[in-house]
Amino acid sequence: MLVLSALGERALGVQAAQLLAAARWMEKLSGQRGVRLETSGMRTQVIGLTAAALQAGVFREIVVRDGMPSLGRLLDGPVEARTAPELFCLDLYRQFDIDSLTKLAATRVISTTP
């Protein structure tokens, strides 16, 4: 983690890039365009939506399980930075929220969040 901080890269961006690389690899391996992504929990929800927002068309569908309706939950609920460090990205909530990331993803997002 210290190396990432020293390089100036955010953990969220690195994880989203890794997810995109894995999705492109799966596309190439399967020969099909677009993969289905399933997330579980708020951390993978934000990583998946960020990846989809950065590169439209990689995911044909995103299923969100046990996600959160808004990044405001990080401020309202007892979420500590050490339990979800990638979600405490500087100015993330100021610029984006779950609904705007979903719109930027430009793909079908199915949420099973209560």
PDB file of N, CA and C in Angstrom:
ATOM      1  N   MET A   1       0.817  -1.194   0.000  1.00  0.00           N
ATOM      2  CA  MET A   1       0.000   0.000   0.000  1.00  0.00           C
ATOM      3  C   MET A   1       0.857   1.252   0.000  1.00  0.00           C
ATOM      4  N   LEU A   2       1.967   1.252   0.656  1.00  0.00           N
ATOM      5  CA  LEU A   2       2.832   2.421   0.668  1.00  0.00           C
ATOM      6  C   LEU A   2       3.390   2.707  -0.721  1.00  0.00           C
ATOM      7  N   VAL A   3       3.668   1.678  -1.484  1.00  0.00           N
ATOM      8  CA  VAL A   3       4.186   1.861  -2.832  1.00  0.00           C
ATOM      9  C   VAL A   3       3.159   2.567  -3.701  1.00  0.00           C
ATOM     10  N   LEU A   4       1.891   2.172  -3.602  1.00  0.00           N
ATOM     11  CA  LEU A   4       0.840   2.824  -4.383  1.00  0.00           C
ATOM     12  C   LEU A   4       0.725   4.293  -4.024  1.00  0.00           C
ATOM     13  N   SER A   5       0.814   4.599  -2.742  1.00  0.00           N
ATOM     14  CA  SER A   5       0.724   5.987  -2.305  1.00  0.00           C
ATOM     15  C   SER A   5       1.909   6.786  -2.817  1.00  0.00           C
ATOM     16  N   ALA A   6       3.083   6.190  -2.808  1.00  0.00           N
ATOM     17  CA  ALA A   6       4.281   6.882  -3.272  1.00  0.00           C
ATOM     18  C   ALA A   6       4.215   7.161  -4.766  1.00  0.00           C
ATOM     19  N   LEU A   7       3.537   6.310  -5.520  1.00  0.00           N
ATOM     20  CA  LEU A   7       3.417   6.493  -6.957  1.00  0.00           C
ATOM     21  C   LEU A   7       2.315   7.480  -7.318  1.00  0.00           C
ATOM     22  N   GLY A   8       1.514   7.872  -6.361  1.00  0.00           N
ATOM     23  CA  GLY A   8       0.441   8.807  -6.625  1.00  0.00           C
ATOM     24  C   GLY A   8      -0.795   8.161  -7.204  1.00  0.00           C
ATOM     25  N   GLU A   9      -0.858   6.837  -7.237  1.00  0.00           N
ATOM     26  CA  GLU A   9      -2.021   6.140  -7.763  1.00  0.00           C
ATOM     27  C   GLU A   9      -2.986   5.814  -6.628  1.00  0.00           C
ATOM     28  N   ARG A  10      -4.257   5.911  -6.904  1.00  0.00           N
ATOM     29  CA  ARG A  10      -5.273   5.585  -5.911  1.00  0.00           C
ATOM     30  C   ARG A  10      -5.586   4.101  -5.983  1.00  0.00           C
ATOM     31  N   ALA A  11      -5.824   3.512  -4.853  1.00  0.00           N
ATOM     32  CA  ALA A  11      -6.148   2.082  -4.821  1.00  0.00           C
ATOM     33  C   ALA A  11      -7.387   1.788  -5.659  1.00  0.00           C
ATOM     34  N   LEU A  12      -8.378   2.664  -5.650  1.00  0.00           N
ATOM     35  CA  LEU A  12      -9.594   2.452  -6.441  1.00  0.00           C
ATOM     36  C   LEU A  12      -9.261   2.392  -7.931  1.00  0.00           C
ATOM     37  N   GLY A  13      -8.447   3.290  -8.402  1.00  0.00           N
ATOM     38  CA  GLY A  13      -8.062   3.305  -9.811  1.00  0.00           C
ATOM     39  C   GLY A  13      -7.279   2.070 -10.212  1.00  0.00           C
ATOM     40  N   VAL A  14      -6.395   1.628  -9.341  1.00  0.00           N
ATOM     41  CA  VAL A  14      -5.593   0.435  -9.617  1.00  0.00           C
ATOM     42  C   VAL A  14      -6.496  -0.791  -9.680  1.00  0.00           C
ATOM     43  N   GLN A  15      -7.421  -0.918  -8.743  1.00  0.00           N
ATOM     44  CA  GLN A  15      -8.326  -2.062  -8.725  1.00  0.00           C
ATOM     45  C   GLN A  15      -9.263  -2.047  -9.933  1.00  0.00           C
ATOM     46  N   ALA A  16      -9.748  -0.882 -10.317  1.00  0.00           N
ATOM     47  CA  ALA A  16     -10.607  -0.784 -11.494  1.00  0.00           C
ATOM     48  C   ALA A  16      -9.829  -1.181 -12.752  1.00  0.00           C
ATOM     49  N   ALA A  17      -8.583  -0.757 -12.845  1.00  0.00           N
ATOM     50  CA  ALA A  17      -7.751  -1.121 -14.002  1.00  0.00           C
ATOM     51  C   ALA A  17      -7.492  -2.628 -14.044  1.00  0.00           C
ATOM     52  N   GLN A  18      -7.260  -3.218 -12.898  1.00  0.00           N
ATOM     53  CA  GLN A  18      -7.055  -4.669 -12.846  1.00  0.00           C
ATOM     54  C   GLN A  18      -8.316  -5.416 -13.255  1.00  0.00           C
ATOM     55  N   LEU A  19      -9.469  -4.950 -12.823  1.00  0.00           N
ATOM     56  CA  LEU A  19     -10.736  -5.569 -13.199  1.00  0.00           C
ATOM     57  C   LEU A  19     -10.974  -5.450 -14.704  1.00  0.00           C
ATOM     58  N   LEU A  20     -10.674  -4.299 -15.273  1.00  0.00           N
ATOM     59  CA  LEU A  20     -10.822  -4.117 -16.723  1.00  0.00           C
ATOM     60  C   LEU A  20      -9.887  -5.045 -17.493  1.00  0.00           C
ATOM     61  N   ALA A  21      -8.674  -5.200 -17.015  1.00  0.00           N
ATOM     62  CA  ALA A  21      -7.725  -6.098 -17.680  1.00  0.00           C
ATOM     63  C   ALA A  21      -8.223  -7.538 -17.635  1.00  0.00           C
ATOM     64  N   ALA A  22      -8.765  -7.950 -16.503  1.00  0.00           N
ATOM     65  CA  ALA A  22      -9.300  -9.307 -16.380  1.00  0.00           C
ATOM     66  C   ALA A  22     -10.511  -9.493 -17.293  1.00  0.00           C
ATOM     67  N   ALA A  23     -11.355  -8.475 -17.388  1.00  0.00           N
ATOM     68  CA  ALA A  23     -12.547  -8.564 -18.247  1.00  0.00           C
ATOM     69  C   ALA A  23     -12.144  -8.646 -19.719  1.00  0.00           C
ATOM     70  N   ARG A  24     -11.172  -7.849 -20.129  1.00  0.00           N
ATOM     71  CA  ARG A  24     -10.713  -7.906 -21.522  1.00  0.00           C
ATOM     72  C   ARG A  24     -10.079  -9.266 -21.822  1.00  0.00           C
ATOM     73  N   TRP A  25      -9.365  -9.825 -20.857  1.00  0.00           N
ATOM     74  CA  TRP A  25      -8.767 -11.152 -21.021  1.00  0.00           C
ATOM     75  C   TRP A  25      -9.868 -12.197 -21.191  1.00  0.00           C
ATOM     76  N   MET A  26     -10.936 -12.095 -20.393  1.00  0.00           N
ATOM     77  CA  MET A  26     -12.048 -13.041 -20.497  1.00  0.00           C
ATOM     78  C   MET A  26     -12.764 -12.905 -21.841  1.00  0.00           C
ATOM     79  N   GLU A  27     -12.900 -11.667 -22.331  1.00  0.00           N
ATOM     80  CA  GLU A  27     -13.498 -11.458 -23.655  1.00  0.00           C
ATOM     81  C   GLU A  27     -12.675 -12.169 -24.727  1.00  0.00           C
ATOM     82  N   LYS A  28     -11.382 -11.979 -24.659  1.00  0.00           N
ATOM     83  CA  LYS A  28     -10.490 -12.578 -25.642  1.00  0.00           C
ATOM     84  C   LYS A  28     -10.532 -14.102 -25.568  1.00  0.00           C
ATOM     85  N   LEU A  29     -10.542 -14.622 -24.358  1.00  0.00           N
ATOM     86  CA  LEU A  29     -10.560 -16.064 -24.139  1.00  0.00           C
ATOM     87  C   LEU A  29     -11.864 -16.692 -24.635  1.00  0.00           C
ATOM     88  N   SER A  30     -12.981 -16.023 -24.363  1.00  0.00           N
ATOM     89  CA  SER A  30     -14.289 -16.577 -24.727  1.00  0.00           C
ATOM     90  C   SER A  30     -14.695 -16.252 -26.159  1.00  0.00           C
ATOM     91  N   GLY A  31     -14.116 -15.200 -26.717  1.00  0.00           N
ATOM     92  CA  GLY A  31     -14.500 -14.788 -28.061  1.00  0.00           C
ATOM     93  C   GLY A  31     -15.812 -14.027 -28.095  1.00  0.00           C
ATOM     94  N   GLN A  32     -16.343 -13.678 -26.935  1.00  0.00           N
ATOM     95  CA  GLN A  32     -17.602 -12.942 -26.859  1.00  0.00           C
ATOM     96  C   GLN A  32     -17.339 -11.499 -26.446  1.00  0.00           C
ATOM     97  N   ARG A  33     -18.202 -10.619 -26.887  1.00  0.00           N
ATOM     98  CA  ARG A  33     -18.078  -9.204 -26.557  1.00  0.00           C
ATOM     99  C   ARG A  33     -18.849  -8.913 -25.275  1.00  0.00           C
ATOM    100  N   GLY A  34     -18.209  -8.337 -24.309  1.00  0.00           N
ATOM    101  CA  GLY A  34     -18.852  -7.967 -23.057  1.00  0.00           C
ATOM    102  C   GLY A  34     -18.989  -9.133 -22.097  1.00  0.00           C
ATOM    103  N   VAL A  35     -18.623  -8.912 -20.856  1.00  0.00           N
ATOM    104  CA  VAL A  35     -18.745  -9.948 -19.832  1.00  0.00           C
ATOM    105  C   VAL A  35     -19.755  -9.493 -18.787  1.00  0.00           C
ATOM    106  N   ARG A  36     -20.301 -10.430 -18.078  1.00  0.00           N
ATOM    107  CA  ARG A  36     -21.243 -10.132 -16.997  1.00  0.00           C
ATOM    108  C   ARG A  36     -20.444 -10.033 -15.710  1.00  0.00           C
ATOM    109  N   LEU A  37     -20.660  -8.972 -14.967  1.00  0.00           N
ATOM    110  CA  LEU A  37     -19.946  -8.739 -13.716  1.00  0.00           C
ATOM    111  C   LEU A  37     -20.917  -8.835 -12.553  1.00  0.00           C
ATOM    112  N   GLU A  38     -20.557  -9.587 -11.538  1.00  0.00           N
ATOM    113  CA  GLU A  38     -21.351  -9.647 -10.312  1.00  0.00           C
ATOM    114  C   GLU A  38     -20.489  -9.152  -9.162  1.00  0.00           C
ATOM    115  N   THR A  39     -21.038  -8.232  -8.396  1.00  0.00           N
ATOM    116  CA  THR A  39     -20.319  -7.693  -7.245  1.00  0.00           C
ATOM    117  C   THR A  39     -21.051  -8.081  -5.973  1.00  0.00           C
ATOM    118  N   SER A  40     -20.322  -8.110  -4.888  1.00  0.00           N
ATOM    119  CA  SER A  40     -20.904  -8.438  -3.592  1.00  0.00           C
ATOM    120  C   SER A  40     -20.301  -7.505  -2.547  1.00  0.00           C
ATOM    121  N   GLY A  41     -21.130  -6.623  -2.039  1.00  0.00           N
ATOM    122  CA  GLY A  41     -20.667  -5.674  -1.034  1.00  0.00           C
ATOM    123  C   GLY A  41     -20.317  -4.329  -1.640  1.00  0.00           C
ATOM    124  N   MET A  42     -20.186  -3.345  -0.774  1.00  0.00           N
ATOM    125  CA  MET A  42     -19.983  -1.973  -1.232  1.00  0.00           C
ATOM    126  C   MET A  42     -18.622  -1.757  -1.879  1.00  0.00           C
ATOM    127  N   ARG A  43     -17.605  -2.457  -1.433  1.00  0.00           N
ATOM    128  CA  ARG A  43     -16.280  -2.263  -2.007  1.00  0.00           C
ATOM    129  C   ARG A  43     -16.231  -2.701  -3.461  1.00  0.00           C
ATOM    130  N   THR A  44     -16.663  -3.912  -3.749  1.00  0.00           N
ATOM    131  CA  THR A  44     -16.616  -4.392  -5.131  1.00  0.00           C
ATOM    132  C   THR A  44     -17.652  -3.688  -6.006  1.00  0.00           C
ATOM    133  N   GLN A  45     -18.737  -3.220  -5.401  1.00  0.00           N
ATOM    134  CA  GLN A  45     -19.726  -2.443  -6.148  1.00  0.00           C
ATOM    135  C   GLN A  45     -19.076  -1.199  -6.739  1.00  0.00           C
ATOM    136  N   VAL A  46     -18.374  -0.453  -5.927  1.00  0.00           N
ATOM    137  CA  VAL A  46     -17.751   0.793  -6.383  1.00  0.00           C
ATOM    138  C   VAL A  46     -16.615   0.509  -7.371  1.00  0.00           C
ATOM    139  N   ILE A  47     -15.846  -0.526  -7.128  1.00  0.00           N
ATOM    140  CA  ILE A  47     -14.769  -0.894  -8.052  1.00  0.00           C
ATOM    141  C   ILE A  47     -15.359  -1.260  -9.412  1.00  0.00           C
ATOM    142  N   GLY A  48     -16.405  -2.082  -9.409  1.00  0.00           N
ATOM    143  CA  GLY A  48     -17.033  -2.503 -10.661  1.00  0.00           C
ATOM    144  C   GLY A  48     -17.663  -1.349 -11.416  1.00  0.00           C
ATOM    145  N   LEU A  49     -18.387  -0.481 -10.716  1.00  0.00           N
ATOM    146  CA  LEU A  49     -19.017   0.664 -11.377  1.00  0.00           C
ATOM    147  C   LEU A  49     -17.974   1.644 -11.901  1.00  0.00           C
ATOM    148  N   THR A  50     -16.887   1.814 -11.159  1.00  0.00           N
ATOM    149  CA  THR A  50     -15.814   2.695 -11.612  1.00  0.00           C
ATOM    150  C   THR A  50     -15.175   2.147 -12.875  1.00  0.00           C
ATOM    151  N   ALA A  51     -14.903   0.850 -12.883  1.00  0.00           N
ATOM    152  CA  ALA A  51     -14.311   0.222 -14.064  1.00  0.00           C
ATOM    153  C   ALA A  51     -15.239   0.376 -15.273  1.00  0.00           C
ATOM    154  N   ALA A  52     -16.517   0.135 -15.069  1.00  0.00           N
ATOM    155  CA  ALA A  52     -17.483   0.246 -16.161  1.00  0.00           C
ATOM    156  C   ALA A  52     -17.613   1.691 -16.643  1.00  0.00           C
ATOM    157  N   ALA A  53     -17.524   2.640 -15.722  1.00  0.00           N
ATOM    158  CA  ALA A  53     -17.603   4.052 -16.099  1.00  0.00           C
ATOM    159  C   ALA A  53     -16.369   4.486 -16.890  1.00  0.00           C
ATOM    160  N   LEU A  54     -15.231   3.897 -16.577  1.00  0.00           N
ATOM    161  CA  LEU A  54     -13.998   4.254 -17.279  1.00  0.00           C
ATOM    162  C   LEU A  54     -13.941   3.693 -18.693  1.00  0.00           C
ATOM    163  N   GLN A  55     -14.534   2.536 -18.891  1.00  0.00           N
ATOM    164  CA  GLN A  55     -14.455   1.902 -20.202  1.00  0.00           C
ATOM    165  C   GLN A  55     -15.792   1.240 -20.535  1.00  0.00           C
ATOM    166  N   ALA A  56     -16.634   1.997 -21.180  1.00  0.00           N
ATOM    167  CA  ALA A  56     -17.964   1.502 -21.542  1.00  0.00           C
ATOM    168  C   ALA A  56     -17.859   0.346 -22.529  1.00  0.00           C
ATOM    169  N   GLY A  57     -18.780  -0.593 -22.403  1.00  0.00           N
ATOM    170  CA  GLY A  57     -18.850  -1.709 -23.328  1.00  0.00           C
ATOM    171  C   GLY A  57     -18.134  -2.967 -22.884  1.00  0.00           C
ATOM    172  N   VAL A  58     -17.304  -2.869 -21.869  1.00  0.00           N
ATOM    173  CA  VAL A  58     -16.588  -4.058 -21.404  1.00  0.00           C
ATOM    174  C   VAL A  58     -17.540  -4.994 -20.665  1.00  0.00           C
ATOM    175  N   PHE A  59     -18.471  -4.423 -19.917  1.00  0.00           N
ATOM    176  CA  PHE A  59     -19.437  -5.219 -19.173  1.00  0.00           C
ATOM    177  C   PHE A  59     -20.805  -5.086 -19.830  1.00  0.00           C
ATOM    178  N   ARG A  60     -21.405  -6.207 -20.170  1.00  0.00           N
ATOM    179  CA  ARG A  60     -22.739  -6.157 -20.772  1.00  0.00           C
ATOM    180  C   ARG A  60     -23.807  -6.048 -19.703  1.00  0.00           C
ATOM    181  N   GLU A  61     -23.470  -6.462 -18.496  1.00  0.00           N
ATOM    182  CA  GLU A  61     -24.422  -6.420 -17.378  1.00  0.00           C
ATOM    183  C   GLU A  61     -23.636  -6.434 -16.078  1.00  0.00           C
ATOM    184  N   ILE A  62     -24.135  -5.690 -15.099  1.00  0.00           N
ATOM    185  CA  ILE A  62     -23.527  -5.675 -13.765  1.00  0.00           C
ATOM    186  C   ILE A  62     -24.610  -5.998 -12.754  1.00  0.00           C
ATOM    187  N   VAL A  63     -24.365  -7.000 -11.934  1.00  0.00           N
ATOM    188  CA  VAL A  63     -25.288  -7.369 -10.867  1.00  0.00           C
ATOM    189  C   VAL A  63     -24.642  -6.956  -9.551  1.00  0.00           C
ATOM    190  N   VAL A  64     -25.343  -6.137  -8.779  1.00  0.00           N
ATOM    191  CA  VAL A  64     -24.831  -5.635  -7.502  1.00  0.00           C
ATOM    192  C   VAL A  64     -25.589  -6.308  -6.373  1.00  0.00           C
ATOM    193  N   ARG A  65     -24.873  -7.026  -5.550  1.00  0.00           N
ATOM    194  CA  ARG A  65     -25.471  -7.664  -4.371  1.00  0.00           C
ATOM    195  C   ARG A  65     -24.926  -6.987  -3.108  1.00  0.00           C
ATOM    196  N   ASP A  66     -25.823  -6.663  -2.222  1.00  0.00           N
ATOM    197  CA  ASP A  66     -25.452  -6.056  -0.936  1.00  0.00           C
ATOM    198  C   ASP A  66     -24.600  -4.808  -1.104  1.00  0.00           C
ATOM    199  N   GLY A  67     -24.965  -3.996  -2.097  1.00  0.00           N
ATOM    200  CA  GLY A  67     -24.257  -2.738  -2.308  1.00  0.00           C
ATOM    201  C   GLY A  67     -24.857  -1.644  -1.441  1.00  0.00           C
ATOM    202  N   MET A  68     -24.548  -0.418  -1.792  1.00  0.00           N
ATOM    203  CA  MET A  68     -25.097   0.724  -1.057  1.00  0.00           C
ATOM    204  C   MET A  68     -25.733   1.679  -2.048  1.00  0.00           C
ATOM    205  N   PRO A  69     -26.787   2.365  -1.644  1.00  0.00           N
ATOM    206  CA  PRO A  69     -27.467   3.275  -2.554  1.00  0.00           C
ATOM    207  C   PRO A  69     -26.697   4.569  -2.804  1.00  0.00           C
ATOM    208  N   SER A  70     -25.816   4.943  -1.865  1.00  0.00           N
ATOM    209  CA  SER A  70     -25.084   6.202  -1.975  1.00  0.00           C
ATOM    210  C   SER A  70     -23.755   6.106  -1.226  1.00  0.00           C
ATOM    211  N   LEU A  71     -22.761   6.838  -1.728  1.00  0.00           N
ATOM    212  CA  LEU A  71     -21.485   6.919  -1.020  1.00  0.00           C
ATOM    213  C   LEU A  71     -21.634   7.673   0.301  1.00  0.00           C
ATOM    214  N   GLY A  72     -22.761   8.350   0.460  1.00  0.00           N
ATOM    215  CA  GLY A  72     -23.040   9.038   1.721  1.00  0.00           C
ATOM    216  C   GLY A  72     -23.054   8.090   2.908  1.00  0.00           C
ATOM    217  N   ARG A  73     -23.286   6.817   2.649  1.00  0.00           N
ATOM    218  CA  ARG A  73     -23.269   5.819   3.728  1.00  0.00           C
ATOM    219  C   ARG A  73     -21.910   5.790   4.439  1.00  0.00           C
ATOM    220  N   LEU A  74     -20.864   6.106   3.702  1.00  0.00           N
ATOM    221  CA  LEU A  74     -19.533   6.137   4.314  1.00  0.00           C
ATOM    222  C   LEU A  74     -19.435   7.200   5.400  1.00  0.00           C
ATOM    223  N   LEU A  75     -20.179   8.286   5.215  1.00  0.00           N
ATOM    224  CA  LEU A  75     -20.171   9.368   6.194  1.00  0.00           C
ATOM    225  C   LEU A  75     -21.213   9.160   7.285  1.00  0.00           C
ATOM    226  N   ASP A  76     -22.339   8.554   6.909  1.00  0.00           N
ATOM    227  CA  ASP A  76     -23.433   8.361   7.852  1.00  0.00           C
ATOM    228  C   ASP A  76     -23.252   7.139   8.739  1.00  0.00           C
ATOM    229  N   GLY A  77     -22.705   6.088   8.181  1.00  0.00           N
ATOM    230  CA  GLY A  77     -22.578   4.832   8.915  1.00  0.00           C
ATOM    231  C   GLY A  77     -21.216   4.684   9.564  1.00  0.00           C
ATOM    232  N   PRO A  78     -21.097   3.703  10.403  1.00  0.00           N
ATOM    233  CA  PRO A  78     -19.809   3.472  11.064  1.00  0.00           C
ATOM    234  C   PRO A  78     -18.847   2.685  10.160  1.00  0.00           C
ATOM    235  N   VAL A  79     -18.411   3.303   9.061  1.00  0.00           N
ATOM    236  CA  VAL A  79     -17.466   2.658   8.156  1.00  0.00           C
ATOM    237  C   VAL A  79     -16.098   3.284   8.396  1.00  0.00           C
ATOM    238  N   GLU A  80     -15.150   2.458   8.798  1.00  0.00           N
ATOM    239  CA  GLU A  80     -13.802   2.960   9.049  1.00  0.00           C
ATOM    240  C   GLU A  80     -12.970   2.871   7.772  1.00  0.00           C
ATOM    241  N   ALA A  81     -12.092   3.824   7.591  1.00  0.00           N
ATOM    242  CA  ALA A  81     -11.259   3.881   6.389  1.00  0.00           C
ATOM    243  C   ALA A  81     -10.419   2.612   6.219  1.00  0.00           C
ATOM    244  N   ARG A  82      -9.995   2.020   7.292  1.00  0.00           N
ATOM    245  CA  ARG A  82      -9.141   0.829   7.169  1.00  0.00           C
ATOM    246  C   ARG A  82      -9.921  -0.407   6.701  1.00  0.00           C
ATOM    247  N   THR A  83     -11.257  -0.390   6.820  1.00  0.00           N
ATOM    248  CA  THR A  83     -12.057  -1.534   6.369  1.00  0.00           C
ATOM    249  C   THR A  83     -12.437  -1.432   4.892  1.00  0.00           C
ATOM    250  N   ALA A  84     -12.363  -0.239   4.332  1.00  0.00           N
ATOM    251  CA  ALA A  84     -12.687  -0.034   2.916  1.00  0.00           C
ATOM    252  C   ALA A  84     -11.868   1.144   2.378  1.00  0.00           C
ATOM    253  N   PRO A  85     -10.546   1.016   2.368  1.00  0.00           N
ATOM    254  CA  PRO A  85      -9.696   2.170   2.031  1.00  0.00           C
ATOM    255  C   PRO A  85      -9.927   2.741   0.642  1.00  0.00           C
ATOM    256  N   GLU A  86     -10.265   1.899  -0.346  1.00  0.00           N
ATOM    257  CA  GLU A  86     -10.444   2.410  -1.703  1.00  0.00           C
ATOM    258  C   GLU A  86     -11.665   3.307  -1.837  1.00  0.00           C
ATOM    259  N   LEU A  87     -12.596   3.216  -0.912  1.00  0.00           N
ATOM    260  CA  LEU A  87     -13.797   4.047  -0.974  1.00  0.00           C
ATOM    261  C   LEU A  87     -13.565   5.441  -0.412  1.00  0.00           C
ATOM    262  N   PHE A  88     -12.469   5.620   0.285  1.00  0.00           N
ATOM    263  CA  PHE A  88     -12.147   6.923   0.867  1.00  0.00           C
ATOM    264  C   PHE A  88     -11.159   7.666  -0.030  1.00  0.00           C
ATOM    265  N   CYS A  89     -11.406   7.597  -1.312  1.00  0.00           N
ATOM    266  CA  CYS A  89     -10.610   8.268  -2.331  1.00  0.00           C
ATOM    267  C   CYS A  89     -10.940   9.764  -2.276  1.00  0.00           C
ATOM    268  N   LEU A  90      -9.919  10.591  -2.297  1.00  0.00           N
ATOM    269  CA  LEU A  90     -10.090  12.033  -2.186  1.00  0.00           C
ATOM    270  C   LEU A  90     -11.097  12.561  -3.211  1.00  0.00           C
ATOM    271  N   ASP A  91     -12.104  13.259  -2.735  1.00  0.00           N
ATOM    272  CA  ASP A  91     -13.136  13.907  -3.556  1.00  0.00           C
ATOM    273  C   ASP A  91     -14.024  12.965  -4.363  1.00  0.00           C
ATOM    274  N   LEU A  92     -13.971  11.682  -4.126  1.00  0.00           N
ATOM    275  CA  LEU A  92     -14.824  10.748  -4.866  1.00  0.00           C
ATOM    276  C   LEU A  92     -16.295  11.096  -4.664  1.00  0.00           C
ATOM    277  N   TYR A  93     -16.719  11.242  -3.409  1.00  0.00           N
ATOM    278  CA  TYR A  93     -18.126  11.522  -3.125  1.00  0.00           C
ATOM    279  C   TYR A  93     -18.518  12.926  -3.579  1.00  0.00           C
ATOM    280  N   ARG A  94     -17.594  13.845  -3.567  1.00  0.00           N
ATOM    281  CA  ARG A  94     -17.896  15.208  -4.005  1.00  0.00           C
ATOM    282  C   ARG A  94     -18.214  15.247  -5.505  1.00  0.00           C
ATOM    283  N   GLN A  95     -17.530  14.427  -6.288  1.00  0.00           N
ATOM    284  CA  GLN A  95     -17.685  14.442  -7.739  1.00  0.00           C
ATOM    285  C   GLN A  95     -18.674  13.398  -8.267  1.00  0.00           C
ATOM    286  N   PHE A  96     -18.778  12.271  -7.561  1.00  0.00           N
ATOM    287  CA  PHE A  96     -19.593  11.157  -8.043  1.00  0.00           C
ATOM    288  C   PHE A  96     -20.384  10.544  -6.910  1.00  0.00           C
ATOM    289  N   ASP A  97     -21.420   9.815  -7.272  1.00  0.00           N
ATOM    290  CA  ASP A  97     -22.153   8.990  -6.329  1.00  0.00           C
ATOM    291  C   ASP A  97     -22.560   7.722  -7.091  1.00  0.00           C
ATOM    292  N   ILE A  98     -23.188   6.798  -6.418  1.00  0.00           N
ATOM    293  CA  ILE A  98     -23.550   5.527  -7.027  1.00  0.00           C
ATOM    294  C   ILE A  98     -24.420   5.737  -8.268  1.00  0.00           C
ATOM    295  N   ASP A  99     -25.381   6.652  -8.199  1.00  0.00           N
ATOM    296  CA  ASP A  99     -26.252   6.872  -9.353  1.00  0.00           C
ATOM    297  C   ASP A  99     -25.491   7.451 -10.544  1.00  0.00           C
ATOM    298  N   SER A 100     -24.561   8.359 -10.310  1.00  0.00           N
ATOM    299  CA  SER A 100     -23.809   8.921 -11.433  1.00  0.00           C
ATOM    300  C   SER A 100     -22.823   7.908 -12.005  1.00  0.00           C
ATOM    301  N   LEU A 101     -22.217   7.087 -11.175  1.00  0.00           N
ATOM    302  CA  LEU A 101     -21.335   6.023 -11.674  1.00  0.00           C
ATOM    303  C   LEU A 101     -22.137   5.024 -12.510  1.00  0.00           C
ATOM    304  N   THR A 102     -23.352   4.733 -12.062  1.00  0.00           N
ATOM    305  CA  THR A 102     -24.218   3.815 -12.798  1.00  0.00           C
ATOM    306  C   THR A 102     -24.557   4.382 -14.176  1.00  0.00           C
ATOM    307  N   LYS A 103     -24.862   5.658 -14.241  1.00  0.00           N
ATOM    308  CA  LYS A 103     -25.162   6.291 -15.530  1.00  0.00           C
ATOM    309  C   LYS A 103     -23.931   6.284 -16.437  1.00  0.00           C
ATOM    310  N   LEU A 104     -22.777   6.577 -15.884  1.00  0.00           N
ATOM    311  CA  LEU A 104     -21.547   6.578 -16.673  1.00  0.00           C
ATOM    312  C   LEU A 104     -21.189   5.179 -17.173  1.00  0.00           C
ATOM    313  N   ALA A 105     -21.588   4.170 -16.420  1.00  0.00           N
ATOM    314  CA  ALA A 105     -21.284   2.790 -16.816  1.00  0.00           C
ATOM    315  C   ALA A 105     -21.962   2.433 -18.132  1.00  0.00           C
ATOM    316  N   ALA A 106     -23.067   3.091 -18.425  1.00  0.00           N
ATOM    317  CA  ALA A 106     -23.791   2.888 -19.692  1.00  0.00           C
ATOM    318  C   ALA A 106     -24.036   1.418 -19.989  1.00  0.00           C
ATOM    319  N   THR A 107     -24.409   0.679 -18.987  1.00  0.00           N
ATOM    320  CA  THR A 107     -24.751  -0.731 -19.149  1.00  0.00           C
ATOM    321  C   THR A 107     -25.892  -1.055 -18.199  1.00  0.00           C
ATOM    322  N   ARG A 108     -26.462  -2.196 -18.345  1.00  0.00           N
ATOM    323  CA  ARG A 108     -27.562  -2.619 -17.489  1.00  0.00           C
ATOM    324  C   ARG A 108     -27.020  -2.990 -16.102  1.00  0.00           C
ATOM    325  N   VAL A 109     -27.501  -2.298 -15.089  1.00  0.00           N
ATOM    326  CA  VAL A 109     -27.092  -2.577 -13.707  1.00  0.00           C
ATOM    327  C   VAL A 109     -28.303  -3.074 -12.951  1.00  0.00           C
ATOM    328  N   ILE A 110     -28.177  -4.263 -12.407  1.00  0.00           N
ATOM    329  CA  ILE A 110     -29.250  -4.866 -11.616  1.00  0.00           C
ATOM    330  C   ILE A 110     -28.802  -4.829 -10.170  1.00  0.00           C
ATOM    331  N   SER A 111     -29.552  -4.159  -9.334  1.00  0.00           N
ATOM    332  CA  SER A 111     -29.189  -4.059  -7.926  1.00  0.00           C
ATOM    333  C   SER A 111     -30.119  -4.920  -7.089  1.00  0.00           C
ATOM    334  N   THR A 112     -29.537  -5.771  -6.267  1.00  0.00           N
ATOM    335  CA  THR A 112     -30.319  -6.567  -5.333  1.00  0.00           C
ATOM    336  C   THR A 112     -30.168  -6.024  -3.926  1.00  0.00           C
ATOM    337  N   THR A 113     -29.757  -4.745  -3.851  1.00  0.00           N
ATOM    338  CA  THR A 113     -29.585  -4.081  -2.562  1.00  0.00           C
ATOM    339  C   THR A 113     -30.956  -3.816  -1.954  1.00  0.00           C
ATOM    340  N   PRO A 114     -31.122  -4.176  -0.689  1.00  0.00           N
ATOM    341  CA  PRO A 114     -32.435  -3.952  -0.052  1.00  0.00           C
ATOM    342  C   PRO A 114     -32.772  -2.481   0.076  1.00  0.00           C
TER     343      PRO A 114
END
